[in-house]
Amino acid sequence: MNAPVVPPSHVFHRSSRATPPRAVRGEGAYIFDAAGKRYLDGSGGAAVSCLGHSDQTVIQAIKDQLDQLPFAHSGFFSSDPAERLADRLVAHAPEGIDRVYLVSGGSEAVEAALKMARQYFVEIGEPLRTRFIARRQSYHGNTLGALAAGGNAWRKAKFAPLLIETNHISPCYAYRGQMEGESLEAYGLRVADELEAELNRVGPETVIAFVAEPVVGATLGAVPAVPGYFKRIREICDRYGILLILDEVMCGMGRTGTLFACEQDGIAPDIVTIAKGLGAGYQPIGAALCSGRIHAAFAEGSGFFQHGHTYNAHPTAAAAADAVLTRLTDDGLTARAAEMGETLDAALRAAFGQHPHIGDIRGRGMFRGLEIVADRASKTPFDPAEGKAARVKAAAFEAGLICYPMGGTIDGKQGDHVLLAPPFILSEDQIGELVDKLSQAFAAVL
């Protein structure tokens, strides 16, 4: 049977040298292309599709909202779905979080958080605070402010002249950074204390906030902080009067086994950003959640957040997200992510724990990473010119597995990893399928 003829594309695709296959149908954890090939979505796209591709509860919520009110501009109206979603998020949020600013995606959420943090200090009479501190090997989004905050050198290089100045400290990356004889706790405190050193170097009175992912996603490959790290970070932020912004766009909304990833670190941020799993792919949505203290500064000051987008608090998107959040909380899908995450981790360790080219297997919940190395004993990476990450991605895709490999894991140039973030509905048999197909890709490339 001949493959269907695909006409020329006028879409500006991510790659200008190739047109990807057309996805035509989603069913559970699978996507089907126009030729009928089935792909197991082992990365949820980019950690988005936590409920798979055919959740009828969410789909019905969208249909119902479209029948009632598709859109109302937030400059004129609020809406029932936006109010319900905000109430539900605050009810489950870390202590002190009281307000929800709804946007259309992760980069918008981080951009809003940065501007919210800056305006907060203007509102309380500290306008000299103009800079952010973040971490190397982080990723916070592709809009210019979010890109500047991130520490992904490859993504930033072409746009460096356009980016605001941001200072960066070391990531909490024990596989590469922990010294011989150093405990995990001692390592975590050492790298956390870099924040205090950097604050004193640049002048703490000039700093707005520290920005970090509780579990680093695309750039490092599901690297969680070690015990005690974020508690020290929180102490330093409080000591110097700067805000703590946690980026949970990728690792939040149940992905790591708790609704908010920072729950496992025992801290509460001043601002937390979410997206991806909030809409689960059914509608574009994100949010920046802030403390009551921050919102009060606006309410008692200018009364106006000088920011906004046309699709802020979109009623249909909010209705979808409210249904997703209900599935994650009331219907137990976050608990399932924790449970199946342990099953996935065990399967990965059984298959690749002694693999000569897999140096580290890490993560939490349904958020797992495997670091690829040329030599396991020395942790030596492959030559970047070999393009191992891209080749693993292509080989896995050929085998019918969607995964998320990336290069530049160590310093933006060297190192490769594979990120896995499958739907929480994955069965044990499908975990076996994922591992088998990933093994095929490793065999072809490594």
Protein backbone atom coordinates (compact mmCIF):
# COMPACT_ATOMS: atom_id res chain seq x y z
CA MET A 1 0.00 0.00 0.00
CA ASN A 2 1.43 3.37 -1.05
CA ALA A 3 1.84 6.12 1.52
CA PRO A 4 -0.54 9.05 1.06
CA VAL A 5 0.75 11.92 -1.05
CA VAL A 6 1.52 14.90 1.19
CA PRO A 7 1.26 18.31 -0.52
CA PRO A 8 3.94 20.97 0.02
CA SER A 9 3.71 22.72 3.40
CA HIS A 10 3.44 26.46 4.02
CA VAL A 11 3.90 25.99 7.77
CA PHE A 12 7.13 27.46 9.16
CA HIS A 13 8.21 24.23 10.88
CA ARG A 14 10.85 24.03 13.61
CA SER A 15 13.22 22.54 11.04
CA SER A 16 13.26 24.28 7.69
CA ARG A 17 14.90 21.27 6.06
CA ALA A 18 12.29 18.64 6.79
CA THR A 19 8.52 18.36 7.12
CA PRO A 20 7.46 16.15 10.03
CA PRO A 21 4.80 13.47 9.62
CA ARG A 22 1.25 14.67 10.18
CA ALA A 23 -0.42 13.59 13.39
CA VAL A 24 -4.06 12.75 12.71
CA ARG A 25 -5.35 10.96 15.81
CA GLY A 26 -4.65 10.47 19.50
CA GLU A 27 -5.74 7.54 21.61
CA GLY A 28 -4.61 7.12 25.21
CA ALA A 29 -0.82 7.19 25.30
CA TYR A 30 -0.49 6.95 21.51
CA ILE A 31 -0.39 9.32 18.54
CA PHE A 32 -1.09 8.08 15.00
CA ASP A 33 0.28 9.72 11.85
CA ALA A 34 -1.35 10.04 8.43
CA ALA A 35 0.27 6.80 7.25
CA GLY A 36 -1.28 4.92 10.18
CA LYS A 37 1.94 4.47 12.16
CA ARG A 38 1.48 4.40 15.93
CA TYR A 39 3.85 6.20 18.33
CA LEU A 40 4.00 5.69 22.09
CA ASP A 41 4.25 9.18 23.59
CA GLY A 42 7.07 8.56 26.01
CA SER A 43 7.73 12.24 26.66
CA GLY A 44 4.20 13.65 26.63
CA GLY A 45 5.37 15.84 23.76
CA ALA A 46 7.48 18.02 26.04
CA ALA A 47 6.07 16.86 29.39
CA VAL A 48 2.63 18.15 28.39
CA SER A 49 0.24 15.23 27.84
CA CYS A 50 -0.12 13.98 31.40
CA LEU A 51 -3.60 12.52 30.72
CA GLY A 52 -2.87 11.08 27.29
CA HIS A 53 -4.62 12.17 24.12
CA SER A 54 -8.27 11.18 24.54
CA ASP A 55 -9.48 12.06 28.03
CA GLN A 56 -13.23 12.37 27.61
CA THR A 57 -13.79 14.34 30.82
CA VAL A 58 -11.56 17.17 29.62
CA ILE A 59 -12.90 17.03 26.07
CA GLN A 60 -16.48 17.30 27.33
CA ALA A 61 -15.59 20.24 29.56
CA ILE A 62 -14.23 22.08 26.52
CA LYS A 63 -17.33 21.31 24.45
CA ASP A 64 -19.63 22.46 27.23
CA GLN A 65 -17.75 25.73 27.65
CA LEU A 66 -17.76 26.41 23.90
CA ASP A 67 -21.52 26.05 23.95
CA GLN A 68 -21.77 28.59 26.75
CA LEU A 69 -18.98 31.17 26.31
CA PRO A 70 -15.88 30.56 24.16
CA PHE A 71 -14.06 33.80 25.01
CA ALA A 72 -14.32 36.99 27.05
CA HIS A 73 -11.46 39.49 27.29
CA SER A 74 -10.03 39.76 30.80
CA GLY A 75 -9.83 43.54 30.47
CA PHE A 76 -13.62 43.56 30.67
CA PHE A 77 -14.77 40.35 32.36
CA SER A 78 -13.85 37.49 34.62
CA SER A 79 -15.51 34.12 34.00
CA ASP A 80 -16.75 31.18 36.02
CA PRO A 81 -14.09 28.78 34.64
CA ALA A 82 -11.26 31.20 35.51
CA GLU A 83 -12.61 31.72 39.02
CA ARG A 84 -13.09 27.97 39.60
CA LEU A 85 -9.63 27.17 38.33
CA ALA A 86 -7.99 29.84 40.49
CA ASP A 87 -9.88 28.63 43.57
CA ARG A 88 -8.85 25.04 42.93
CA LEU A 89 -5.20 25.93 42.33
CA VAL A 90 -4.94 28.05 45.49
CA ALA A 91 -6.60 25.30 47.54
CA HIS A 92 -3.79 22.92 46.53
CA ALA A 93 -0.92 25.42 46.30
CA PRO A 94 2.04 25.82 48.68
CA GLU A 95 1.47 27.88 51.83
CA GLY A 96 1.00 31.59 51.24
CA ILE A 97 0.08 31.36 47.55
CA ASP A 98 -3.16 33.29 47.15
CA ARG A 99 -3.52 34.67 43.60
CA VAL A 100 -3.42 33.15 40.10
CA TYR A 101 -2.48 35.08 36.95
CA LEU A 102 -3.65 33.00 33.96
CA VAL A 103 -1.80 33.13 30.64
CA SER A 104 -1.44 30.92 27.57
CA GLY A 105 1.75 28.93 28.18
CA GLY A 106 4.99 28.42 30.06
CA SER A 107 7.10 31.19 28.55
CA GLU A 108 4.27 33.66 29.13
CA ALA A 109 3.98 32.45 32.72
CA VAL A 110 7.68 33.03 33.41
CA GLU A 111 7.62 36.38 31.62
CA ALA A 112 4.67 37.42 33.80
CA ALA A 113 6.47 36.23 36.93
CA LEU A 114 9.58 38.27 36.14
CA LYS A 115 7.56 41.43 35.48
CA MET A 116 5.37 40.81 38.53
CA ALA A 117 8.46 40.48 40.71
CA ARG A 118 10.02 43.66 39.32
CA GLN A 119 6.81 45.68 39.71
CA TYR A 120 6.35 44.37 43.25
CA PHE A 121 9.57 46.08 44.31
CA VAL A 122 8.60 49.27 42.46
CA GLU A 123 5.28 49.21 44.33
CA ILE A 124 6.96 48.91 47.73
CA GLY A 125 9.53 51.62 46.99
CA GLU A 126 12.62 49.61 46.05
CA PRO A 127 13.08 50.47 42.34
CA LEU A 128 16.86 49.91 42.42
CA ARG A 129 16.28 46.16 42.31
CA THR A 130 16.81 45.40 38.63
CA ARG A 131 18.51 42.03 38.25
CA PHE A 132 17.70 38.33 38.56
CA ILE A 133 19.91 35.44 39.60
CA ALA A 134 19.29 32.00 38.14
CA ARG A 135 21.32 28.85 37.49
CA ARG A 136 23.45 27.60 34.65
CA GLN A 137 21.95 24.67 32.72
CA SER A 138 18.40 25.82 33.38
CA TYR A 139 15.60 26.58 30.95
CA HIS A 140 12.78 29.02 31.63
CA GLY A 141 11.21 29.66 28.23
CA ASN A 142 11.79 31.22 24.83
CA THR A 143 10.44 34.76 25.18
CA LEU A 144 13.26 37.23 25.68
CA GLY A 145 12.90 37.74 29.44
CA ALA A 146 12.46 34.04 30.14
CA LEU A 147 15.33 33.20 27.80
CA ALA A 148 17.57 35.66 29.62
CA ALA A 149 16.73 34.11 32.97
CA GLY A 150 17.55 30.64 31.67
CA GLY A 151 21.03 29.19 31.68
CA ASN A 152 20.84 27.22 28.44
CA ALA A 153 23.80 28.61 26.48
CA TRP A 154 22.84 27.06 23.15
CA ARG A 155 19.32 28.49 23.14
CA LYS A 156 20.56 31.96 24.13
CA ALA A 157 23.58 32.38 21.86
CA LYS A 158 21.89 33.90 18.78
CA PHE A 159 19.83 36.32 20.85
CA ALA A 160 22.41 37.39 23.46
CA PRO A 161 22.47 41.08 22.40
CA LEU A 162 18.71 41.30 23.06
CA LEU A 163 18.68 39.76 26.54
CA ILE A 164 18.52 41.47 29.93
CA GLU A 165 21.49 40.89 32.19
CA THR A 166 21.02 37.90 34.48
CA ASN A 167 23.59 36.38 36.82
CA HIS A 168 23.94 32.61 37.01
CA ILE A 169 25.27 30.24 39.66
CA SER A 170 25.92 26.49 39.55
CA PRO A 171 23.06 24.04 39.14
CA CYS A 172 22.35 21.45 41.81
CA TYR A 173 23.64 18.56 39.69
CA ALA A 174 25.12 15.96 41.98
CA TYR A 175 26.09 13.47 39.26
CA ARG A 176 28.63 15.97 37.91
CA GLY A 177 29.19 18.34 40.84
CA GLN A 178 29.41 16.27 44.02
CA MET A 179 33.02 15.82 45.16
CA GLU A 180 34.52 12.55 46.35
CA GLY A 181 33.78 12.05 50.03
CA GLU A 182 31.16 14.82 50.08
CA SER A 183 27.67 13.90 51.32
CA LEU A 184 24.64 14.86 49.26
CA GLU A 185 23.57 17.29 51.98
CA ALA A 186 27.00 18.94 52.13
CA TYR A 187 27.08 19.22 48.35
CA GLY A 188 23.62 20.82 48.30
CA LEU A 189 24.55 23.39 50.93
CA ARG A 190 27.78 24.21 49.09
CA VAL A 191 26.07 24.99 45.79
CA ALA A 192 23.15 26.76 47.52
CA ASP A 193 25.64 29.03 49.28
CA GLU A 194 26.77 30.23 45.84
CA LEU A 195 23.57 32.29 45.85
CA GLU A 196 24.66 34.18 48.94
CA ALA A 197 28.13 34.73 47.50
CA GLU A 198 26.65 36.09 44.26
CA LEU A 199 24.25 38.34 46.14
CA ASN A 200 27.14 39.83 48.08
CA ARG A 201 29.19 40.21 44.89
CA VAL A 202 26.54 42.17 42.95
CA GLY A 203 24.88 43.84 45.93
CA PRO A 204 21.74 42.23 47.34
CA GLU A 205 19.88 45.56 47.15
CA THR A 206 20.05 45.30 43.33
CA VAL A 207 18.50 41.81 43.09
CA ILE A 208 14.81 41.10 42.48
CA ALA A 209 14.64 37.32 42.73
CA PHE A 210 16.27 33.94 42.40
CA VAL A 211 14.70 31.78 39.68
CA ALA A 212 15.00 27.97 39.61
CA GLU A 213 13.32 24.76 38.51
CA PRO A 214 12.75 22.36 41.45
CA VAL A 215 13.48 19.48 39.05
CA VAL A 216 15.43 20.70 36.03
CA GLY A 217 13.82 19.54 32.80
CA ALA A 218 14.90 20.02 29.20
CA THR A 219 18.46 21.27 29.74
CA LEU A 220 19.66 18.79 32.38
CA GLY A 221 17.25 15.89 31.99
CA ALA A 222 15.06 15.48 35.11
CA VAL A 223 17.62 16.46 37.76
CA PRO A 224 16.05 16.93 41.21
CA ALA A 225 17.69 19.02 43.91
CA VAL A 226 19.44 17.09 46.69
CA PRO A 227 17.97 17.10 50.23
CA GLY A 228 18.28 20.44 51.99
CA TYR A 229 19.25 22.47 48.94
CA PHE A 230 16.03 24.43 48.52
CA LYS A 231 15.58 24.97 52.25
CA ARG A 232 18.94 26.76 52.28
CA ILE A 233 17.96 28.69 49.15
CA ARG A 234 14.73 29.79 50.85
CA GLU A 235 16.69 30.92 53.93
CA ILE A 236 19.08 32.98 51.79
CA CYS A 237 16.24 34.64 49.88
CA ASP A 238 14.54 35.58 53.14
CA ARG A 239 17.78 36.82 54.70
CA TYR A 240 18.45 39.24 51.84
CA GLY A 241 14.85 40.20 51.06
CA ILE A 242 14.73 38.80 47.54
CA LEU A 243 11.89 36.78 46.06
CA LEU A 244 12.03 33.07 45.24
CA ILE A 245 10.47 32.23 41.86
CA LEU A 246 10.08 28.52 41.19
CA ASP A 247 9.56 27.46 37.58
CA GLU A 248 7.35 24.38 37.60
CA VAL A 249 6.22 24.75 33.99
CA MET A 250 7.64 21.32 33.16
CA CYS A 251 7.98 19.57 36.52
CA GLY A 252 4.73 20.73 38.14
CA MET A 253 1.10 19.62 38.00
CA GLY A 254 1.71 16.09 39.26
CA ARG A 255 4.62 15.28 36.95
CA THR A 256 6.99 14.47 39.82
CA GLY A 257 4.38 12.68 41.96
CA THR A 258 3.03 15.67 43.90
CA LEU A 259 0.87 18.40 42.39
CA PHE A 260 3.57 21.02 42.96
CA ALA A 261 7.12 19.71 42.70
CA CYS A 262 8.35 21.95 45.53
CA GLU A 263 6.15 20.07 48.00
CA GLN A 264 8.87 17.40 48.09
CA ASP A 265 11.47 19.99 49.07
CA GLY A 266 9.41 21.29 51.99
CA ILE A 267 9.35 24.94 50.91
CA ALA A 268 6.94 27.53 49.53
CA PRO A 269 7.94 30.06 46.85
CA ASP A 270 6.83 33.66 46.50
CA ILE A 271 5.87 33.05 42.87
CA VAL A 272 5.48 29.71 41.08
CA THR A 273 4.89 29.22 37.36
CA ILE A 274 2.95 26.32 35.86
CA ALA A 275 1.78 25.37 32.35
CA LYS A 276 2.27 22.15 30.30
CA GLY A 277 0.45 19.65 32.54
CA LEU A 278 -2.07 22.31 33.60
CA GLY A 279 -3.76 22.07 30.22
CA ALA A 280 -2.44 18.57 29.46
CA GLY A 281 -2.31 19.58 25.79
CA TYR A 282 -6.06 20.03 25.46
CA GLN A 283 -5.83 23.84 25.52
CA PRO A 284 -2.89 26.27 25.68
CA ILE A 285 -2.70 27.63 29.23
CA GLY A 286 -0.24 28.59 31.93
CA ALA A 287 -0.20 30.58 35.14
CA ALA A 288 1.96 32.58 37.52
CA LEU A 289 0.78 32.07 41.10
CA CYS A 290 1.90 34.57 43.73
CA SER A 291 1.68 35.10 47.47
CA GLY A 292 -0.96 37.25 49.09
CA ARG A 293 1.83 39.61 50.18
CA ILE A 294 2.82 40.31 46.58
CA HIS A 295 -0.76 40.89 45.46
CA ALA A 296 -1.37 43.19 48.43
CA ALA A 297 1.51 45.43 47.30
CA PHE A 298 -0.27 45.95 43.97
CA ALA A 299 -3.67 46.43 45.59
CA GLU A 300 -2.33 48.98 48.08
CA GLY A 301 -0.09 50.67 45.51
CA SER A 302 -0.90 51.45 41.88
CA GLY A 303 -3.71 48.89 41.82
CA PHE A 304 -2.66 47.75 38.36
CA PHE A 305 -0.28 45.07 37.05
CA GLN A 306 1.26 46.70 33.99
CA HIS A 307 1.20 43.57 31.89
CA GLY A 308 -1.29 41.51 29.91
CA HIS A 309 -2.10 39.37 26.88
CA THR A 310 -5.21 39.06 24.76
CA TYR A 311 -5.84 35.48 25.84
CA ASN A 312 -5.27 35.94 29.59
CA ALA A 313 -7.73 33.80 31.58
CA HIS A 314 -9.32 32.43 28.40
CA PRO A 315 -12.62 30.84 29.51
CA THR A 316 -12.35 27.72 27.33
CA ALA A 317 -8.74 27.15 28.31
CA ALA A 318 -9.63 27.67 31.98
CA ALA A 319 -12.50 25.18 31.71
CA ALA A 320 -10.14 22.61 30.23
CA ALA A 321 -7.53 23.22 32.94
CA ASP A 322 -10.13 22.98 35.69
CA ALA A 323 -11.16 19.58 34.34
CA VAL A 324 -7.50 18.51 34.11
CA LEU A 325 -6.85 19.64 37.68
CA THR A 326 -9.90 17.71 38.87
CA ARG A 327 -8.50 14.59 37.22
CA LEU A 328 -5.11 15.17 38.83
CA THR A 329 -6.48 15.72 42.33
CA ASP A 330 -9.96 14.29 42.94
CA ASP A 331 -9.50 11.41 40.47
CA GLY A 332 -6.07 10.41 41.78
CA LEU A 333 -3.91 10.84 38.68
CA THR A 334 -1.15 12.63 40.62
CA ALA A 335 -0.96 9.70 43.04
CA ARG A 336 -0.84 7.40 40.03
CA ALA A 337 2.09 9.41 38.63
CA ALA A 338 3.98 8.75 41.86
CA GLU A 339 3.17 5.04 41.79
CA MET A 340 3.83 4.41 38.10
CA GLY A 341 6.92 6.61 38.31
CA GLU A 342 8.49 4.07 40.66
CA THR A 343 7.56 1.27 38.23
CA LEU A 344 9.12 3.21 35.36
CA ASP A 345 12.27 3.91 37.36
CA ALA A 346 12.65 0.24 38.27
CA ALA A 347 12.20 -0.80 34.62
CA LEU A 348 14.79 1.73 33.44
CA ARG A 349 17.29 0.60 36.05
CA ALA A 350 16.72 -3.07 35.22
CA ALA A 351 17.28 -2.42 31.52
CA PHE A 352 19.99 0.25 31.59
CA GLY A 353 21.44 0.31 35.11
CA GLN A 354 24.60 -1.45 33.93
CA HIS A 355 24.60 -0.18 30.35
CA PRO A 356 28.14 0.92 29.41
CA HIS A 357 26.85 4.18 27.92
CA ILE A 358 24.21 5.17 30.50
CA GLY A 359 25.94 7.05 33.30
CA ASP A 360 22.99 8.17 35.41
CA ILE A 361 19.28 7.43 35.76
CA ARG A 362 17.40 10.07 37.74
CA GLY A 363 14.17 11.93 38.34
CA ARG A 364 10.93 11.82 40.30
CA GLY A 365 7.51 10.44 39.45
CA MET A 366 6.79 10.29 35.74
CA PHE A 367 9.73 12.58 35.04
CA ARG A 368 12.91 10.59 34.36
CA GLY A 369 16.24 11.23 32.69
CA LEU A 370 19.07 9.04 31.45
CA GLU A 371 22.49 10.61 30.89
CA ILE A 372 24.44 9.18 27.95
CA VAL A 373 28.22 8.84 28.31
CA ALA A 374 31.08 7.49 26.22
CA ASP A 375 32.58 5.84 29.30
CA ARG A 376 30.55 4.94 32.36
CA ALA A 377 33.44 4.75 34.83
CA SER A 378 34.94 8.16 34.03
CA LYS A 379 31.63 9.83 33.07
CA THR A 380 33.33 11.05 29.89
CA PRO A 381 30.75 12.41 27.43
CA PHE A 382 30.63 11.66 23.73
CA ASP A 383 32.11 14.16 21.29
CA PRO A 384 29.29 16.67 20.58
CA ALA A 385 30.08 16.32 16.87
CA GLU A 386 28.64 12.79 17.00
CA GLY A 387 25.18 14.21 17.74
CA LYS A 388 24.16 11.28 19.92
CA ALA A 389 21.02 12.93 21.31
CA ALA A 390 19.60 13.76 17.89
CA ARG A 391 20.42 10.28 16.63
CA VAL A 392 18.72 8.62 19.61
CA LYS A 393 15.63 10.77 19.03
CA ALA A 394 15.49 9.74 15.37
CA ALA A 395 16.07 6.05 16.09
CA ALA A 396 13.40 6.02 18.81
CA PHE A 397 10.93 7.77 16.51
CA GLU A 398 11.63 5.19 13.81
CA ALA A 399 10.88 2.48 16.39
CA GLY A 400 7.58 4.18 17.27
CA LEU A 401 8.63 5.97 20.47
CA ILE A 402 8.45 9.70 21.16
CA CYS A 403 11.16 10.72 23.66
CA TYR A 404 13.01 13.95 24.37
CA PRO A 405 16.80 13.68 23.95
CA MET A 406 18.98 16.79 24.25
CA GLY A 407 22.63 17.67 23.88
CA GLY A 408 24.76 20.12 25.88
CA THR A 409 23.77 18.56 29.20
CA ILE A 410 27.01 19.36 31.02
CA ASP A 411 27.85 22.89 29.92
CA GLY A 412 25.72 23.78 26.91
CA LYS A 413 28.10 22.01 24.53
CA GLN A 414 29.11 18.65 25.95
CA GLY A 415 26.89 15.87 27.23
CA ASP A 416 23.71 14.10 26.12
CA HIS A 417 20.59 12.87 27.89
CA VAL A 418 17.15 11.46 27.20
CA LEU A 419 14.14 12.93 29.02
CA LEU A 420 11.06 10.77 29.60
CA ALA A 421 7.73 12.26 30.70
CA PRO A 422 4.97 9.86 29.65
CA PRO A 423 1.26 10.19 30.43
CA PHE A 424 0.24 9.27 33.97
CA ILE A 425 -2.25 6.75 32.53
CA LEU A 426 0.57 4.52 31.25
CA SER A 427 0.13 0.83 32.03
CA GLU A 428 2.87 -1.59 33.11
CA ASP A 429 2.76 -3.20 29.65
CA GLN A 430 3.27 0.21 28.05
CA ILE A 431 6.21 0.89 30.36
CA GLY A 432 7.68 -2.34 29.01
CA GLU A 433 7.02 -1.14 25.46
CA LEU A 434 8.70 2.18 26.21
CA VAL A 435 11.80 0.51 27.61
CA ASP A 436 11.98 -2.00 24.73
CA LYS A 437 11.78 0.73 22.09
CA LEU A 438 14.27 2.93 23.90
CA SER A 439 16.59 -0.09 24.06
CA GLN A 440 16.26 -0.48 20.28
CA ALA A 441 17.25 3.15 19.83
CA PHE A 442 20.26 2.83 22.13
CA ALA A 443 21.36 -0.33 20.31
CA ALA A 444 21.18 1.48 16.97
CA VAL A 445 23.10 4.57 18.11
CA LEU A 446 25.32 3.65 21.09
